[in-house]
């Protein structure tokens, strides 16, 4: 029979954000300083949420191509 050595309480356990890449860590600190975020984790969270929202609002590549093709058709082949 196996015994459980440790058990974590239910819910989220906060852990510090560790970024291994020095360049990425520098970017995260710069975003924190520029945004006034309390911690690097808060700055990264806010930046990721903004990027997620931006991506949700943007058109997918197929829709952008469709708009470009429609514009090209409207201009016509004789356009300079």
N, C-alpha and C. Protein backbone atom coordinates (compact mmCIF):
# COMPACT_ATOMS: atom_id res chain seq x y z
N UNK A 1 0.84 -1.16 0.00
CA UNK A 1 0.00 0.00 0.00
C UNK A 1 0.90 1.24 0.00
N UNK A 2 0.55 2.18 -0.88
CA UNK A 2 1.30 3.43 -0.96
C UNK A 2 0.64 4.48 -0.08
N UNK A 3 1.46 5.24 0.57
CA UNK A 3 0.93 6.33 1.38
C UNK A 3 1.26 7.65 0.70
N UNK A 4 0.40 8.56 0.88
CA UNK A 4 0.63 9.90 0.35
C UNK A 4 1.56 10.65 1.30
N UNK A 5 2.67 11.11 0.76
CA UNK A 5 3.63 11.82 1.61
C UNK A 5 3.20 13.27 1.81
N UNK A 6 2.72 13.88 0.74
CA UNK A 6 2.28 15.26 0.87
C UNK A 6 1.00 15.45 0.08
N UNK A 7 0.21 16.34 0.54
CA UNK A 7 -1.03 16.67 -0.16
C UNK A 7 -1.15 18.18 -0.19
N UNK A 8 -1.51 18.68 -1.34
CA UNK A 8 -1.70 20.12 -1.48
C UNK A 8 -3.16 20.46 -1.23
N UNK A 9 -3.40 21.60 -0.62
CA UNK A 9 -4.79 22.01 -0.41
C UNK A 9 -5.44 22.32 -1.75
N UNK A 10 -6.75 22.19 -1.81
CA UNK A 10 -7.43 22.49 -3.07
C UNK A 10 -7.26 23.96 -3.44
N UNK A 11 -7.30 24.22 -4.73
CA UNK A 11 -7.18 25.60 -5.20
C UNK A 11 -5.81 25.87 -5.78
N UNK A 12 -5.64 27.08 -6.21
CA UNK A 12 -4.37 27.46 -6.83
C UNK A 12 -3.34 27.82 -5.77
N UNK A 13 -2.16 27.31 -5.96
CA UNK A 13 -1.05 27.64 -5.08
C UNK A 13 -0.14 28.59 -5.84
N UNK A 14 0.02 29.83 -5.37
CA UNK A 14 0.86 30.77 -6.12
C UNK A 14 2.32 30.33 -6.09
N UNK A 15 2.94 30.38 -7.25
CA UNK A 15 4.37 30.09 -7.35
C UNK A 15 5.02 31.24 -8.10
N UNK A 16 6.27 31.54 -7.78
CA UNK A 16 6.92 32.64 -8.47
C UNK A 16 7.16 32.31 -9.94
N UNK A 17 7.16 33.36 -10.75
CA UNK A 17 7.43 33.20 -12.17
C UNK A 17 8.94 33.15 -12.36
N UNK A 18 9.42 32.09 -12.98
CA UNK A 18 10.85 31.97 -13.25
C UNK A 18 11.03 31.93 -14.75
N UNK A 19 11.78 32.88 -15.29
CA UNK A 19 12.02 32.95 -16.73
C UNK A 19 13.49 32.61 -16.94
N UNK A 20 13.76 31.55 -17.68
CA UNK A 20 15.13 31.09 -17.87
C UNK A 20 15.91 31.91 -18.88
N UNK A 21 15.24 32.48 -19.85
CA UNK A 21 15.90 33.24 -20.90
C UNK A 21 16.14 34.67 -20.41
N UNK A 22 17.41 35.08 -20.38
CA UNK A 22 17.75 36.41 -19.85
C UNK A 22 17.10 37.54 -20.66
N UNK A 23 17.05 37.38 -21.98
CA UNK A 23 16.44 38.43 -22.82
C UNK A 23 14.95 38.56 -22.52
N UNK A 24 14.27 37.43 -22.35
CA UNK A 24 12.84 37.45 -22.05
C UNK A 24 12.61 38.02 -20.66
N UNK A 25 13.46 37.66 -19.72
CA UNK A 25 13.34 38.21 -18.36
C UNK A 25 13.53 39.72 -18.38
N UNK A 26 14.46 40.20 -19.20
CA UNK A 26 14.67 41.63 -19.33
C UNK A 26 13.46 42.33 -19.92
N UNK A 27 12.86 41.72 -20.93
CA UNK A 27 11.63 42.27 -21.52
C UNK A 27 10.51 42.32 -20.48
N UNK A 28 10.40 41.26 -19.70
CA UNK A 28 9.34 41.22 -18.67
C UNK A 28 9.56 42.33 -17.65
N UNK A 29 10.80 42.55 -17.23
CA UNK A 29 11.08 43.63 -16.27
C UNK A 29 10.80 45.00 -16.89
N UNK A 30 11.13 45.15 -18.18
CA UNK A 30 10.87 46.43 -18.86
C UNK A 30 9.37 46.70 -18.94
N UNK A 31 8.59 45.66 -19.24
CA UNK A 31 7.13 45.81 -19.30
C UNK A 31 6.59 46.14 -17.91
N UNK A 32 7.14 45.50 -16.89
CA UNK A 32 6.71 45.80 -15.53
C UNK A 32 6.97 47.26 -15.19
N UNK A 33 8.16 47.74 -15.51
CA UNK A 33 8.51 49.12 -15.19
C UNK A 33 7.65 50.11 -15.98
N UNK A 34 7.45 49.83 -17.26
CA UNK A 34 6.68 50.75 -18.10
C UNK A 34 5.20 50.77 -17.73
N UNK A 35 4.69 49.62 -17.31
CA UNK A 35 3.26 49.53 -17.01
C UNK A 35 2.93 49.89 -15.56
N UNK A 36 3.95 49.90 -14.72
CA UNK A 36 3.70 50.16 -13.30
C UNK A 36 3.12 48.97 -12.57
N UNK A 37 3.23 47.79 -13.17
CA UNK A 37 2.71 46.57 -12.53
C UNK A 37 3.47 46.33 -11.23
N UNK A 38 2.77 45.76 -10.27
CA UNK A 38 3.35 45.50 -8.95
C UNK A 38 4.47 44.46 -9.03
N UNK A 39 4.26 43.42 -9.86
CA UNK A 39 5.25 42.35 -9.99
C UNK A 39 5.45 42.02 -11.46
N UNK A 40 6.52 41.29 -11.74
CA UNK A 40 6.75 40.83 -13.11
C UNK A 40 5.62 39.89 -13.53
N UNK A 41 5.17 39.06 -12.60
CA UNK A 41 4.07 38.15 -12.91
C UNK A 41 2.83 38.92 -13.32
N UNK A 42 2.51 39.99 -12.60
CA UNK A 42 1.35 40.82 -12.97
C UNK A 42 1.53 41.43 -14.35
N UNK A 43 2.75 41.89 -14.64
CA UNK A 43 3.02 42.50 -15.94
C UNK A 43 2.88 41.49 -17.07
N UNK A 44 3.42 40.29 -16.86
CA UNK A 44 3.33 39.24 -17.88
C UNK A 44 1.88 38.81 -18.06
N UNK A 45 1.14 38.67 -16.97
CA UNK A 45 -0.27 38.28 -17.06
C UNK A 45 -1.04 39.31 -17.88
N UNK A 46 -0.86 40.59 -17.57
CA UNK A 46 -1.58 41.65 -18.28
C UNK A 46 -1.20 41.67 -19.76
N UNK A 47 0.09 41.51 -20.05
CA UNK A 47 0.54 41.51 -21.44
C UNK A 47 -0.05 40.33 -22.21
N UNK A 48 -0.08 39.17 -21.58
CA UNK A 48 -0.65 37.99 -22.24
C UNK A 48 -2.15 38.14 -22.44
N UNK A 49 -2.84 38.72 -21.47
CA UNK A 49 -4.28 38.95 -21.63
C UNK A 49 -4.55 39.92 -22.77
N UNK A 50 -3.75 40.99 -22.87
CA UNK A 50 -3.92 41.94 -23.98
C UNK A 50 -3.67 41.27 -25.33
N UNK A 51 -2.63 40.45 -25.40
CA UNK A 51 -2.33 39.77 -26.66
C UNK A 51 -3.44 38.78 -27.01
N UNK A 52 -3.94 38.05 -26.02
CA UNK A 52 -5.05 37.12 -26.26
C UNK A 52 -6.25 37.87 -26.81
N UNK A 53 -6.58 39.01 -26.20
CA UNK A 53 -7.73 39.80 -26.65
C UNK A 53 -7.49 40.36 -28.06
N UNK A 54 -6.26 40.80 -28.34
CA UNK A 54 -5.94 41.32 -29.67
C UNK A 54 -6.10 40.23 -30.73
N UNK A 55 -5.64 39.03 -30.40
CA UNK A 55 -5.75 37.92 -31.35
C UNK A 55 -7.20 37.52 -31.57
N UNK A 56 -8.02 37.59 -30.53
CA UNK A 56 -9.44 37.28 -30.68
C UNK A 56 -10.12 38.27 -31.62
N UNK A 57 -9.68 39.53 -31.58
CA UNK A 57 -10.30 40.57 -32.39
C UNK A 57 -9.78 40.59 -33.83
N UNK A 58 -8.62 40.01 -34.07
CA UNK A 58 -8.03 40.08 -35.41
C UNK A 58 -8.68 39.05 -36.34
N UNK A 59 -8.62 39.35 -37.61
CA UNK A 59 -9.16 38.44 -38.61
C UNK A 59 -8.22 37.26 -38.80
N UNK A 60 -8.75 36.07 -39.03
CA UNK A 60 -7.88 34.94 -39.33
C UNK A 60 -7.22 35.16 -40.70
N UNK A 61 -6.08 34.52 -40.95
CA UNK A 61 -5.38 34.71 -42.22
C UNK A 61 -6.25 34.47 -43.44
N UNK A 62 -7.12 33.47 -43.39
CA UNK A 62 -7.97 33.18 -44.55
C UNK A 62 -8.92 34.34 -44.84
N UNK A 63 -9.42 35.00 -43.80
CA UNK A 63 -10.31 36.13 -44.01
C UNK A 63 -9.56 37.33 -44.55
N UNK A 64 -8.32 37.54 -44.06
CA UNK A 64 -7.51 38.64 -44.59
C UNK A 64 -7.20 38.41 -46.06
N UNK A 65 -6.89 37.17 -46.44
CA UNK A 65 -6.61 36.85 -47.83
C UNK A 65 -7.86 37.07 -48.68
N UNK A 66 -9.01 36.66 -48.15
CA UNK A 66 -10.26 36.86 -48.88
C UNK A 66 -10.53 38.32 -49.15
N UNK A 67 -10.28 39.17 -48.16
CA UNK A 67 -10.48 40.61 -48.34
C UNK A 67 -9.50 41.16 -49.38
N UNK A 68 -8.26 40.69 -49.35
CA UNK A 68 -7.26 41.16 -50.31
C UNK A 68 -7.63 40.72 -51.73
N UNK A 69 -8.10 39.50 -51.88
CA UNK A 69 -8.50 39.01 -53.21
C UNK A 69 -9.71 39.78 -53.72
N UNK A 70 -10.66 40.07 -52.85
CA UNK A 70 -11.83 40.84 -53.27
C UNK A 70 -11.43 42.24 -53.70
N UNK A 71 -10.50 42.85 -52.99
CA UNK A 71 -10.01 44.17 -53.36
C UNK A 71 -9.29 44.12 -54.71
N UNK A 72 -8.48 43.09 -54.92
CA UNK A 72 -7.78 42.94 -56.20
C UNK A 72 -8.78 42.76 -57.33
N UNK A 73 -9.82 41.98 -57.11
CA UNK A 73 -10.86 41.80 -58.14
C UNK A 73 -11.56 43.12 -58.43
N UNK A 74 -11.81 43.91 -57.38
CA UNK A 74 -12.50 45.19 -57.57
C UNK A 74 -11.62 46.17 -58.35
N UNK A 75 -10.32 46.13 -58.12
CA UNK A 75 -9.41 47.03 -58.83
C UNK A 75 -9.32 46.62 -60.30
N UNK A 76 -9.26 45.32 -60.53
CA UNK A 76 -9.20 44.82 -61.90
C UNK A 76 -7.77 44.61 -62.37
N UNK A 77 -7.64 43.84 -63.43
CA UNK A 77 -6.33 43.48 -63.96
C UNK A 77 -5.68 44.63 -64.72
N UNK A 78 -6.45 45.61 -65.17
CA UNK A 78 -5.91 46.70 -65.97
C UNK A 78 -5.29 47.81 -65.12
N UNK A 79 -5.42 47.73 -63.82
CA UNK A 79 -4.88 48.79 -62.96
C UNK A 79 -3.35 48.77 -63.01
N UNK A 80 -2.74 49.96 -62.94
CA UNK A 80 -1.27 50.01 -63.03
C UNK A 80 -0.59 49.39 -61.84
